[in-house]
Amino acid sequence: MKKLLIATLLGLAAAGAQVQAKTLLVYYSFTGNIEKAADAVKDQTPTDVLRIQPAQKGLNYAANNYSLGSDLVDQIRSKPNDAFSYLAIDPVNVDFSKYDTVIIGTPLWWSNMAAPMQTFLFHNGKAMAGKKIGLIVSSASSGISGVERDAKRLIPEGNFTKSLWIRSYQVSSAPKMVSEWLKANDLAFK
């Protein structure tokens, strides 16, 4: 009887731990494409949400063929270990110990992760060690291997799932794509 009670309690504790698993969605969206994907994630799985914003407001990243974004990415590429290479973002405070999974949504800039998200990960990536990391990337047409490389550099001990690549022309299909991706990577909990 005692063994049965212990086994039952252990089973309940394991089930409770399963329910307690929490997901954090962190995203940066410039054109709104990633925001649409983030909305789809929020609609399909319970998640806490953190939107990353540059500290300096009103910058026109699209001006001069996106030269500002290119300059920011080049600055990071030239000195990836120097905190001064990274764009300032609005302050964020996250207790990563509350989360088992982190879903990161970011656009691609010049074959790399957008500078604001790189800043967030530069300062917080080590706290994500051992977490399940899902990556959602939007781009017009360029492949996302550079963004995946940036994520793995900035979260060196993350457990990465297969990434979701949403091209600009696919944004209207984002909810369906996100649903399939969440299920395929065991990230859907609703």
N, C-alpha and C. Protein backbone atom coordinates (compact mmCIF):
# COMPACT_ATOMS: atom_id res chain seq x y z
N MET A 1 0.82 -1.19 0.00
CA MET A 1 0.00 0.00 0.00
C MET A 1 0.87 1.26 0.00
N LYS A 2 1.92 1.21 0.82
CA LYS A 2 2.82 2.35 0.92
C LYS A 2 3.50 2.62 -0.43
N LYS A 3 3.92 1.54 -1.12
CA LYS A 3 4.56 1.68 -2.42
C LYS A 3 3.59 2.26 -3.44
N LEU A 4 2.33 1.85 -3.37
CA LEU A 4 1.31 2.37 -4.28
C LEU A 4 1.11 3.86 -4.05
N LEU A 5 1.06 4.26 -2.79
CA LEU A 5 0.90 5.68 -2.45
C LEU A 5 2.08 6.50 -2.95
N ILE A 6 3.28 6.00 -2.75
CA ILE A 6 4.48 6.70 -3.22
C ILE A 6 4.48 6.80 -4.74
N ALA A 7 4.16 5.71 -5.42
CA ALA A 7 4.11 5.72 -6.89
C ALA A 7 3.06 6.72 -7.38
N THR A 8 1.91 6.76 -6.72
CA THR A 8 0.85 7.70 -7.11
C THR A 8 1.32 9.14 -6.91
N LEU A 9 1.94 9.42 -5.78
CA LEU A 9 2.44 10.77 -5.50
C LEU A 9 3.51 11.18 -6.50
N LEU A 10 4.41 10.26 -6.83
CA LEU A 10 5.44 10.57 -7.82
C LEU A 10 4.81 10.83 -9.18
N GLY A 11 3.81 10.05 -9.55
CA GLY A 11 3.10 10.26 -10.81
C GLY A 11 2.42 11.61 -10.84
N LEU A 12 1.77 11.98 -9.75
CA LEU A 12 1.12 13.29 -9.68
C LEU A 12 2.14 14.42 -9.73
N ALA A 13 3.26 14.24 -9.07
CA ALA A 13 4.31 15.27 -9.11
C ALA A 13 4.83 15.44 -10.52
N ALA A 14 5.03 14.33 -11.22
CA ALA A 14 5.51 14.41 -12.61
C ALA A 14 4.47 15.08 -13.49
N ALA A 15 3.20 14.75 -13.30
CA ALA A 15 2.13 15.38 -14.09
C ALA A 15 2.07 16.87 -13.77
N GLY A 16 2.23 17.21 -12.50
CA GLY A 16 2.22 18.63 -12.12
C GLY A 16 3.39 19.37 -12.74
N ALA A 17 4.54 18.72 -12.80
CA ALA A 17 5.71 19.35 -13.43
C ALA A 17 5.45 19.58 -14.91
N GLN A 18 4.75 18.63 -15.53
CA GLN A 18 4.42 18.76 -16.96
C GLN A 18 3.54 19.99 -17.17
N VAL A 19 2.55 20.19 -16.30
CA VAL A 19 1.64 21.32 -16.42
C VAL A 19 2.38 22.62 -16.13
N GLN A 20 3.35 22.58 -15.24
CA GLN A 20 4.08 23.79 -14.84
C GLN A 20 5.05 24.29 -15.90
N ALA A 21 5.36 23.47 -16.90
CA ALA A 21 6.29 23.89 -17.95
C ALA A 21 5.78 25.19 -18.56
N LYS A 22 6.67 26.17 -18.65
CA LYS A 22 6.26 27.48 -19.16
C LYS A 22 7.09 27.86 -20.37
N THR A 23 6.45 28.64 -21.23
CA THR A 23 7.09 29.10 -22.45
C THR A 23 7.14 30.61 -22.46
N LEU A 24 8.28 31.14 -22.89
CA LEU A 24 8.45 32.58 -23.09
C LEU A 24 8.60 32.83 -24.58
N LEU A 25 7.82 33.75 -25.10
CA LEU A 25 7.93 34.20 -26.48
C LEU A 25 8.60 35.57 -26.46
N VAL A 26 9.78 35.66 -27.07
CA VAL A 26 10.51 36.92 -27.19
C VAL A 26 10.57 37.25 -28.66
N TYR A 27 10.14 38.47 -29.03
CA TYR A 27 10.19 38.80 -30.45
C TYR A 27 10.50 40.26 -30.70
N TYR A 28 11.06 40.50 -31.87
CA TYR A 28 11.26 41.85 -32.41
C TYR A 28 10.66 41.83 -33.81
N SER A 29 9.86 42.85 -34.11
CA SER A 29 9.24 42.92 -35.43
C SER A 29 9.39 44.33 -35.97
N PHE A 30 9.96 44.45 -37.16
CA PHE A 30 10.10 45.77 -37.79
C PHE A 30 8.95 46.04 -38.76
N THR A 31 8.68 45.11 -39.66
CA THR A 31 7.64 45.33 -40.67
C THR A 31 6.28 44.78 -40.26
N GLY A 32 6.22 44.03 -39.17
CA GLY A 32 4.97 43.44 -38.72
C GLY A 32 4.84 41.96 -39.05
N ASN A 33 5.74 41.42 -39.86
CA ASN A 33 5.65 40.01 -40.22
C ASN A 33 5.86 39.10 -39.01
N ILE A 34 6.87 39.38 -38.22
CA ILE A 34 7.12 38.56 -37.03
C ILE A 34 6.02 38.78 -36.00
N GLU A 35 5.47 39.98 -35.94
CA GLU A 35 4.37 40.21 -35.00
C GLU A 35 3.17 39.31 -35.35
N LYS A 36 2.90 39.12 -36.63
CA LYS A 36 1.81 38.22 -37.03
C LYS A 36 2.11 36.78 -36.60
N ALA A 37 3.35 36.37 -36.75
CA ALA A 37 3.73 35.03 -36.31
C ALA A 37 3.64 34.93 -34.78
N ALA A 38 4.06 35.98 -34.08
CA ALA A 38 3.98 35.99 -32.61
C ALA A 38 2.52 35.90 -32.15
N ASP A 39 1.64 36.62 -32.83
CA ASP A 39 0.21 36.54 -32.51
C ASP A 39 -0.30 35.11 -32.68
N ALA A 40 0.16 34.44 -33.72
CA ALA A 40 -0.25 33.05 -33.96
C ALA A 40 0.25 32.14 -32.84
N VAL A 41 1.48 32.37 -32.37
CA VAL A 41 2.01 31.58 -31.25
C VAL A 41 1.15 31.81 -30.02
N LYS A 42 0.86 33.09 -29.71
CA LYS A 42 0.06 33.42 -28.53
C LYS A 42 -1.33 32.79 -28.60
N ASP A 43 -1.90 32.71 -29.79
CA ASP A 43 -3.23 32.13 -29.97
C ASP A 43 -3.24 30.61 -29.81
N GLN A 44 -2.08 29.98 -29.99
CA GLN A 44 -2.05 28.53 -30.07
C GLN A 44 -1.38 27.82 -28.90
N THR A 45 -0.70 28.55 -28.06
CA THR A 45 -0.05 27.92 -26.91
C THR A 45 0.10 28.95 -25.79
N PRO A 46 -0.07 28.53 -24.54
CA PRO A 46 0.08 29.48 -23.44
C PRO A 46 1.54 29.95 -23.36
N THR A 47 1.72 31.23 -23.33
CA THR A 47 3.08 31.77 -23.34
C THR A 47 3.10 33.15 -22.70
N ASP A 48 4.17 33.46 -22.03
CA ASP A 48 4.43 34.84 -21.62
C ASP A 48 5.10 35.51 -22.81
N VAL A 49 4.89 36.81 -22.95
CA VAL A 49 5.36 37.51 -24.15
C VAL A 49 6.23 38.69 -23.77
N LEU A 50 7.33 38.84 -24.50
CA LEU A 50 8.23 39.96 -24.34
C LEU A 50 8.57 40.50 -25.72
N ARG A 51 8.20 41.75 -25.96
CA ARG A 51 8.53 42.38 -27.24
C ARG A 51 9.76 43.25 -27.06
N ILE A 52 10.75 43.05 -27.89
CA ILE A 52 11.99 43.81 -27.84
C ILE A 52 11.83 45.07 -28.68
N GLN A 53 12.28 46.20 -28.13
CA GLN A 53 12.20 47.48 -28.83
C GLN A 53 13.54 48.21 -28.73
N PRO A 54 13.99 48.83 -29.81
CA PRO A 54 15.20 49.65 -29.72
C PRO A 54 14.97 50.81 -28.75
N ALA A 55 16.00 51.20 -28.02
CA ALA A 55 15.87 52.31 -27.07
C ALA A 55 15.67 53.63 -27.80
N GLN A 56 16.34 53.80 -28.91
CA GLN A 56 16.19 55.04 -29.68
C GLN A 56 14.99 54.90 -30.60
N LYS A 57 14.00 55.74 -30.39
CA LYS A 57 12.75 55.65 -31.16
C LYS A 57 12.84 56.48 -32.43
N GLY A 58 12.04 56.09 -33.41
CA GLY A 58 11.91 56.86 -34.64
C GLY A 58 13.00 56.63 -35.67
N LEU A 59 13.86 55.64 -35.45
CA LEU A 59 14.88 55.35 -36.46
C LEU A 59 14.21 54.74 -37.68
N ASN A 60 14.62 55.18 -38.85
CA ASN A 60 14.04 54.66 -40.08
C ASN A 60 14.99 53.63 -40.68
N TYR A 61 14.79 52.38 -40.29
CA TYR A 61 15.67 51.32 -40.76
C TYR A 61 15.55 51.10 -42.26
N ALA A 62 14.41 51.47 -42.83
CA ALA A 62 14.18 51.23 -44.26
C ALA A 62 14.82 52.29 -45.15
N ALA A 63 15.22 53.42 -44.58
CA ALA A 63 15.80 54.50 -45.40
C ALA A 63 17.09 54.04 -46.06
N ASN A 64 17.35 54.59 -47.23
CA ASN A 64 18.59 54.30 -47.96
C ASN A 64 18.85 52.81 -48.11
N ASN A 65 17.80 52.09 -48.54
CA ASN A 65 17.91 50.65 -48.78
C ASN A 65 18.37 49.91 -47.51
N TYR A 66 17.79 50.29 -46.39
CA TYR A 66 18.06 49.64 -45.11
C TYR A 66 19.52 49.77 -44.68
N SER A 67 20.17 50.86 -45.04
CA SER A 67 21.59 51.00 -44.71
C SER A 67 21.84 51.04 -43.20
N LEU A 68 20.92 51.61 -42.41
CA LEU A 68 21.11 51.65 -40.96
C LEU A 68 21.15 50.23 -40.40
N GLY A 69 20.22 49.38 -40.82
CA GLY A 69 20.23 47.99 -40.37
C GLY A 69 21.51 47.28 -40.78
N SER A 70 21.96 47.54 -41.99
CA SER A 70 23.20 46.95 -42.48
C SER A 70 24.39 47.40 -41.62
N ASP A 71 24.43 48.70 -41.31
CA ASP A 71 25.52 49.23 -40.48
C ASP A 71 25.52 48.60 -39.09
N LEU A 72 24.33 48.43 -38.51
CA LEU A 72 24.23 47.84 -37.17
C LEU A 72 24.71 46.38 -37.18
N VAL A 73 24.31 45.64 -38.18
CA VAL A 73 24.74 44.24 -38.28
C VAL A 73 26.24 44.17 -38.53
N ASP A 74 26.77 45.04 -39.39
CA ASP A 74 28.22 45.06 -39.65
C ASP A 74 29.00 45.35 -38.38
N GLN A 75 28.48 46.26 -37.56
CA GLN A 75 29.15 46.61 -36.30
C GLN A 75 29.22 45.38 -35.38
N ILE A 76 28.14 44.63 -35.31
CA ILE A 76 28.13 43.41 -34.48
C ILE A 76 29.08 42.37 -35.07
N ARG A 77 29.04 42.20 -36.39
CA ARG A 77 29.92 41.21 -37.04
C ARG A 77 31.39 41.50 -36.76
N SER A 78 31.75 42.79 -36.76
CA SER A 78 33.16 43.14 -36.60
C SER A 78 33.67 42.90 -35.17
N LYS A 79 32.80 43.05 -34.17
CA LYS A 79 33.20 42.85 -32.78
C LYS A 79 32.08 42.16 -32.01
N PRO A 80 31.83 40.88 -32.28
CA PRO A 80 30.67 40.21 -31.68
C PRO A 80 30.75 40.01 -30.17
N ASN A 81 31.92 40.15 -29.58
CA ASN A 81 32.06 39.97 -28.14
C ASN A 81 32.13 41.28 -27.37
N ASP A 82 31.95 42.40 -28.06
CA ASP A 82 32.03 43.73 -27.45
C ASP A 82 30.62 44.27 -27.24
N ALA A 83 30.24 44.51 -25.99
CA ALA A 83 28.89 45.01 -25.68
C ALA A 83 28.58 46.31 -26.40
N PHE A 84 29.60 47.11 -26.69
CA PHE A 84 29.37 48.39 -27.36
C PHE A 84 29.02 48.22 -28.84
N SER A 85 29.16 47.02 -29.38
CA SER A 85 28.80 46.76 -30.77
C SER A 85 27.29 46.63 -30.95
N TYR A 86 26.59 46.45 -29.86
CA TYR A 86 25.16 46.13 -29.92
C TYR A 86 24.29 47.37 -29.70
N LEU A 87 23.21 47.44 -30.48
CA LEU A 87 22.22 48.50 -30.40
C LEU A 87 21.56 48.49 -29.02
N ALA A 88 21.35 49.67 -28.44
CA ALA A 88 20.64 49.75 -27.16
C ALA A 88 19.17 49.40 -27.36
N ILE A 89 18.63 48.62 -26.43
CA ILE A 89 17.20 48.28 -26.46
C ILE A 89 16.56 48.74 -25.16
N ASP A 90 15.22 48.83 -25.18
CA ASP A 90 14.51 49.16 -23.94
C ASP A 90 14.84 48.11 -22.89
N PRO A 91 14.95 48.53 -21.63
CA PRO A 91 15.29 47.58 -20.56
C PRO A 91 14.25 46.47 -20.44
N VAL A 92 14.73 45.28 -20.19
CA VAL A 92 13.87 44.12 -19.96
C VAL A 92 14.37 43.38 -18.73
N ASN A 93 13.46 42.73 -18.04
CA ASN A 93 13.82 41.95 -16.87
C ASN A 93 13.10 40.61 -16.96
N VAL A 94 13.85 39.55 -17.11
CA VAL A 94 13.27 38.22 -17.29
C VAL A 94 13.91 37.26 -16.29
N ASP A 95 13.08 36.50 -15.61
CA ASP A 95 13.56 35.43 -14.76
C ASP A 95 13.47 34.13 -15.57
N PHE A 96 14.55 33.77 -16.21
CA PHE A 96 14.55 32.61 -17.10
C PHE A 96 14.36 31.29 -16.36
N SER A 97 14.54 31.29 -15.05
CA SER A 97 14.34 30.04 -14.29
C SER A 97 12.87 29.60 -14.33
N LYS A 98 11.97 30.50 -14.69
CA LYS A 98 10.54 30.18 -14.78
C LYS A 98 10.17 29.45 -16.07
N TYR A 99 11.10 29.37 -17.02
CA TYR A 99 10.77 28.88 -18.35
C TYR A 99 11.58 27.64 -18.73
N ASP A 100 10.89 26.72 -19.39
CA ASP A 100 11.54 25.54 -19.96
C ASP A 100 11.84 25.75 -21.44
N THR A 101 11.03 26.61 -22.07
CA THR A 101 11.09 26.83 -23.50
C THR A 101 11.10 28.32 -23.79
N VAL A 102 11.92 28.73 -24.75
CA VAL A 102 11.94 30.12 -25.22
C VAL A 102 11.77 30.08 -26.73
N ILE A 103 10.74 30.77 -27.21
CA ILE A 103 10.51 30.93 -28.65
C ILE A 103 10.96 32.33 -29.02
N ILE A 104 11.84 32.43 -30.00
CA ILE A 104 12.42 33.70 -30.42
C ILE A 104 11.93 34.01 -31.82
N GLY A 105 11.32 35.18 -31.99
CA GLY A 105 10.87 35.63 -33.30
C GLY A 105 11.69 36.83 -33.74
N THR A 106 12.26 36.77 -34.93
CA THR A 106 13.12 37.85 -35.41
C THR A 106 13.13 37.91 -36.93
N PRO A 107 13.23 39.11 -37.48
CA PRO A 107 13.46 39.20 -38.92
C PRO A 107 14.94 38.97 -39.24
N LEU A 108 15.18 38.70 -40.50
CA LEU A 108 16.54 38.59 -41.02
C LEU A 108 16.96 39.96 -41.55
N TRP A 109 18.13 40.42 -41.16
CA TRP A 109 18.71 41.65 -41.68
C TRP A 109 20.05 41.30 -42.30
N TRP A 110 20.20 41.50 -43.59
CA TRP A 110 21.48 41.29 -44.26
C TRP A 110 22.08 39.95 -43.90
N SER A 111 21.28 38.91 -44.00
CA SER A 111 21.68 37.52 -43.75
C SER A 111 21.99 37.22 -42.29
N ASN A 112 21.64 38.12 -41.39
CA ASN A 112 21.87 37.93 -39.97
C ASN A 112 20.60 38.21 -39.18
N MET A 113 20.63 37.85 -37.90
CA MET A 113 19.54 38.18 -37.00
C MET A 113 19.47 39.70 -36.83
N ALA A 114 18.26 40.26 -36.76
CA ALA A 114 18.08 41.70 -36.57
C ALA A 114 18.85 42.16 -35.33
N ALA A 115 19.46 43.34 -35.44
CA ALA A 115 20.32 43.87 -34.37
C ALA A 115 19.62 43.96 -33.01
N PRO A 116 18.37 44.43 -32.91
CA PRO A 116 17.75 44.49 -31.59
C PRO A 116 17.65 43.13 -30.90
N MET A 117 17.35 42.08 -31.65
CA MET A 117 17.27 40.75 -31.05
C MET A 117 18.65 40.24 -30.69
N GLN A 118 19.65 40.54 -31.50
CA GLN A 118 21.02 40.14 -31.14
C GLN A 118 21.42 40.80 -29.83
N THR A 119 21.02 42.05 -29.62
CA THR A 119 21.34 42.73 -28.36
C THR A 119 20.72 41.98 -27.19
N PHE A 120 19.44 41.66 -27.30
CA PHE A 120 18.75 40.95 -26.22
C PHE A 120 19.46 39.63 -25.92
N LEU A 121 19.79 38.88 -26.95
CA LEU A 121 20.43 37.58 -26.74
C LEU A 121 21.86 37.71 -26.24
N PHE A 122 22.57 38.75 -26.66
CA PHE A 122 23.93 38.99 -26.16
C PHE A 122 23.90 39.11 -24.64
N HIS A 123 22.90 39.81 -24.13
CA HIS A 123 22.81 40.05 -22.68
C HIS A 123 22.12 38.92 -21.92
N ASN A 124 21.35 38.08 -22.59
CA ASN A 124 20.54 37.08 -21.89
C ASN A 124 20.75 35.65 -22.36
N GLY A 125 21.52 35.43 -23.40
CA GLY A 125 21.66 34.10 -23.98
C GLY A 125 22.19 33.05 -23.03
N LYS A 126 23.13 33.40 -22.18
CA LYS A 126 23.70 32.41 -21.26
C LYS A 126 22.66 31.93 -20.25
N ALA A 127 21.69 32.79 -19.93
CA ALA A 127 20.63 32.40 -18.99
C ALA A 127 19.67 31.39 -19.62
N MET A 128 19.78 31.18 -20.92
CA MET A 128 18.91 30.23 -21.62
C MET A 128 19.57 28.86 -21.80
N ALA A 129 20.70 28.64 -21.18
CA ALA A 129 21.40 27.35 -21.28
C ALA A 129 20.47 26.23 -20.84
N GLY A 130 20.42 25.17 -21.63
CA GLY A 130 19.60 24.02 -21.30
C GLY A 130 18.13 24.16 -21.65
N LYS A 131 17.71 25.33 -22.07
CA LYS A 131 16.30 25.55 -22.44
C LYS A 131 16.05 25.04 -23.86
N LYS A 132 14.82 24.65 -24.13
CA LYS A 132 14.40 24.33 -25.50
C LYS A 132 14.22 25.68 -26.19
N ILE A 133 14.87 25.86 -27.34
CA ILE A 133 14.84 27.13 -28.06
C ILE A 133 14.21 26.91 -29.43
N GLY A 134 13.12 27.63 -29.69
CA GLY A 134 12.48 27.61 -31.00
C GLY A 134 12.72 28.94 -31.68
N LEU A 135 13.04 28.92 -32.95
CA LEU A 135 13.38 30.14 -33.68
C LEU A 135 12.41 30.32 -34.84
N ILE A 136 11.76 31.50 -34.89
CA ILE A 136 10.88 31.87 -36.00
C ILE A 136 11.54 33.05 -36.70
N VAL A 137 11.78 32.92 -37.99
CA VAL A 137 12.51 33.94 -38.74
C VAL A 137 11.69 34.35 -39.96
N SER A 138 11.61 35.66 -40.18
CA SER A 138 10.97 36.15 -41.41
C SER A 138 12.03 36.79 -42.30
N SER A 139 11.83 36.63 -43.60
CA SER A 139 12.72 37.27 -44.57
C SER A 139 11.97 37.40 -45.89
N ALA A 140 12.48 38.28 -46.74
CA ALA A 140 11.87 38.43 -48.06
C ALA A 140 12.14 37.18 -48.88
N SER A 141 13.40 36.76 -48.94
CA SER A 141 13.73 35.57 -49.72
C SER A 141 15.01 34.90 -49.25
N SER A 142 15.89 35.63 -48.59
CA SER A 142 17.18 35.06 -48.19
C SER A 142 17.00 33.93 -47.19
N GLY A 143 17.89 32.94 -47.27
CA GLY A 143 17.89 31.83 -46.33
C GLY A 143 18.22 32.28 -44.92
N ILE A 144 17.90 31.45 -43.94
CA ILE A 144 18.02 31.86 -42.54
C ILE A 144 19.21 31.25 -41.80
N SER A 145 20.13 30.64 -42.51
CA SER A 145 21.26 29.98 -41.83
C SER A 145 22.10 30.98 -41.03
N GLY A 146 22.23 32.22 -41.49
CA GLY A 146 22.98 33.23 -40.74
C GLY A 146 22.29 33.58 -39.43
N VAL A 147 20.97 33.62 -39.44
CA VAL A 147 20.21 33.90 -38.21
C VAL A 147 20.37 32.74 -37.23
N GLU A 148 20.29 31.52 -37.74
CA GLU A 148 20.49 30.35 -36.88
C GLU A 148 21.89 30.34 -36.29
N ARG A 149 22.87 30.71 -37.08
CA ARG A 149 24.26 30.78 -36.60
C ARG A 149 24.38 31.83 -35.49
N ASP A 150 23.76 33.01 -35.69
CA ASP A 150 23.77 34.05 -34.65
C ASP A 150 23.13 33.53 -33.37
N ALA A 151 21.99 32.86 -33.49
CA ALA A 151 21.29 32.35 -32.30
C ALA A 151 22.17 31.36 -31.54
N LYS A 152 22.83 30.47 -32.26
CA LYS A 152 23.68 29.47 -31.60
C LYS A 152 24.94 30.09 -31.00
N ARG A 153 25.41 31.18 -31.59
CA ARG A 153 26.55 31.90 -31.01
C ARG A 153 26.14 32.59 -29.72
N LEU A 154 24.94 33.16 -29.71
CA LEU A 154 24.47 33.95 -28.57
C LEU A 154 23.82 33.10 -27.48
N ILE A 155 23.36 31.91 -27.82
CA ILE A 155 22.80 30.95 -26.84
C ILE A 155 23.55 29.64 -27.04
N PRO A 156 24.83 29.60 -26.65
CA PRO A 156 25.67 28.45 -27.00
C PRO A 156 25.22 27.13 -26.40
N GLU A 157 24.47 27.15 -25.31
CA GLU A 157 24.06 25.90 -24.69
C GLU A 157 22.55 25.69 -24.76
N GLY A 158 21.91 26.33 -25.75
CA GLY A 158 20.47 26.12 -25.95
C GLY A 158 20.22 24.82 -26.68
N ASN A 159 19.05 24.24 -26.46
CA ASN A 159 18.63 23.02 -27.16
C ASN A 159 17.67 23.43 -28.27
N PHE A 160 18.21 23.64 -29.46
CA PHE A 160 17.45 24.21 -30.57
C PHE A 160 16.57 23.19 -31.27
N THR A 161 15.34 23.61 -31.55
CA THR A 161 14.44 22.83 -32.38
C THR A 161 14.69 23.23 -33.84
N LYS A 162 13.99 22.60 -34.75
CA LYS A 162 14.04 23.02 -36.15
C LYS A 162 13.40 24.40 -36.23
N SER A 163 14.01 25.30 -36.98
CA SER A 163 13.51 26.67 -37.11
C SER A 163 12.32 26.74 -38.05
N LEU A 164 11.52 27.80 -37.87
CA LEU A 164 10.43 28.10 -38.79
C LEU A 164 10.82 29.33 -39.60
N TRP A 165 10.83 29.17 -40.90
CA TRP A 165 11.17 30.26 -41.83
C TRP A 165 9.89 30.71 -42.51
N ILE A 166 9.52 31.97 -42.31
CA ILE A 166 8.33 32.54 -42.94
C ILE A 166 8.80 33.62 -43.91
N ARG A 167 8.58 33.38 -45.19
CA ARG A 167 8.94 34.38 -46.20
C ARG A 167 7.83 35.42 -46.28
N SER A 168 8.17 36.61 -46.73
CA SER A 168 7.22 37.72 -46.78
C SER A 168 5.91 37.33 -47.44
N TYR A 169 5.99 36.59 -48.53
CA TYR A 169 4.77 36.23 -49.27
C TYR A 169 3.95 35.17 -48.53
N GLN A 170 4.48 34.59 -47.45
CA GLN A 170 3.78 33.55 -46.70
C GLN A 170 3.12 34.06 -45.43
N VAL A 171 3.23 35.35 -45.15
CA VAL A 171 2.75 35.90 -43.88
C VAL A 171 1.27 35.60 -43.65
N SER A 172 0.47 35.64 -44.70
CA SER A 172 -0.96 35.35 -44.53
C SER A 172 -1.18 33.90 -44.08
N SER A 173 -0.22 33.04 -44.32
CA SER A 173 -0.31 31.63 -43.89
C SER A 173 0.38 31.39 -42.55
N ALA A 174 0.85 32.45 -41.90
CA ALA A 174 1.61 32.30 -40.65
C ALA A 174 0.87 31.48 -39.60
N PRO A 175 -0.43 31.71 -39.34
CA PRO A 175 -1.08 30.90 -38.30
C PRO A 175 -0.99 29.39 -38.56
N LYS A 176 -1.21 28.98 -39.80
CA LYS A 176 -1.14 27.55 -40.14
C LYS A 176 0.31 27.05 -40.03
N MET A 177 1.25 27.84 -40.53
CA MET A 177 2.66 27.44 -40.46
C MET A 177 3.12 27.32 -39.01
N VAL A 178 2.72 28.29 -38.19
CA VAL A 178 3.09 28.26 -36.77
C VAL A 178 2.48 27.03 -36.09
N SER A 179 1.22 26.75 -36.38
CA SER A 179 0.55 25.59 -35.79
C SER A 179 1.30 24.29 -36.11
N GLU A 180 1.64 24.12 -37.37
CA GLU A 180 2.37 22.91 -37.79
C GLU A 180 3.74 22.84 -37.13
N TRP A 181 4.43 23.99 -37.05
CA TRP A 181 5.76 24.05 -36.46
C TRP A 181 5.70 23.75 -34.96
N LEU A 182 4.73 24.34 -34.25
CA LEU A 182 4.59 24.08 -32.82
C LEU A 182 4.38 22.59 -32.56
N LYS A 183 3.51 21.97 -33.34
CA LYS A 183 3.23 20.54 -33.15
C LYS A 183 4.45 19.69 -33.50
N ALA A 184 5.11 19.98 -34.61
CA ALA A 184 6.26 19.20 -35.06
C ALA A 184 7.42 19.26 -34.07
N ASN A 185 7.52 20.37 -33.33
CA ASN A 185 8.63 20.55 -32.39
C ASN A 185 8.20 20.35 -30.94
N ASP A 186 7.00 19.78 -30.76
CA ASP A 186 6.47 19.50 -29.42
C ASP A 186 6.43 20.77 -28.56
N LEU A 187 5.96 21.86 -29.16
CA LEU A 187 5.86 23.14 -28.46
C LEU A 187 4.41 23.55 -28.21
N ALA A 188 3.44 22.82 -28.75
CA ALA A 188 2.03 23.17 -28.60
C ALA A 188 1.49 22.56 -27.31
N PHE A 189 0.87 23.38 -26.47
CA PHE A 189 0.37 22.89 -25.18
C PHE A 189 -1.12 23.11 -24.97
N LYS A 190 -1.84 23.70 -25.92
CA LYS A 190 -3.28 23.92 -25.73
C LYS A 190 -4.04 22.71 -26.15
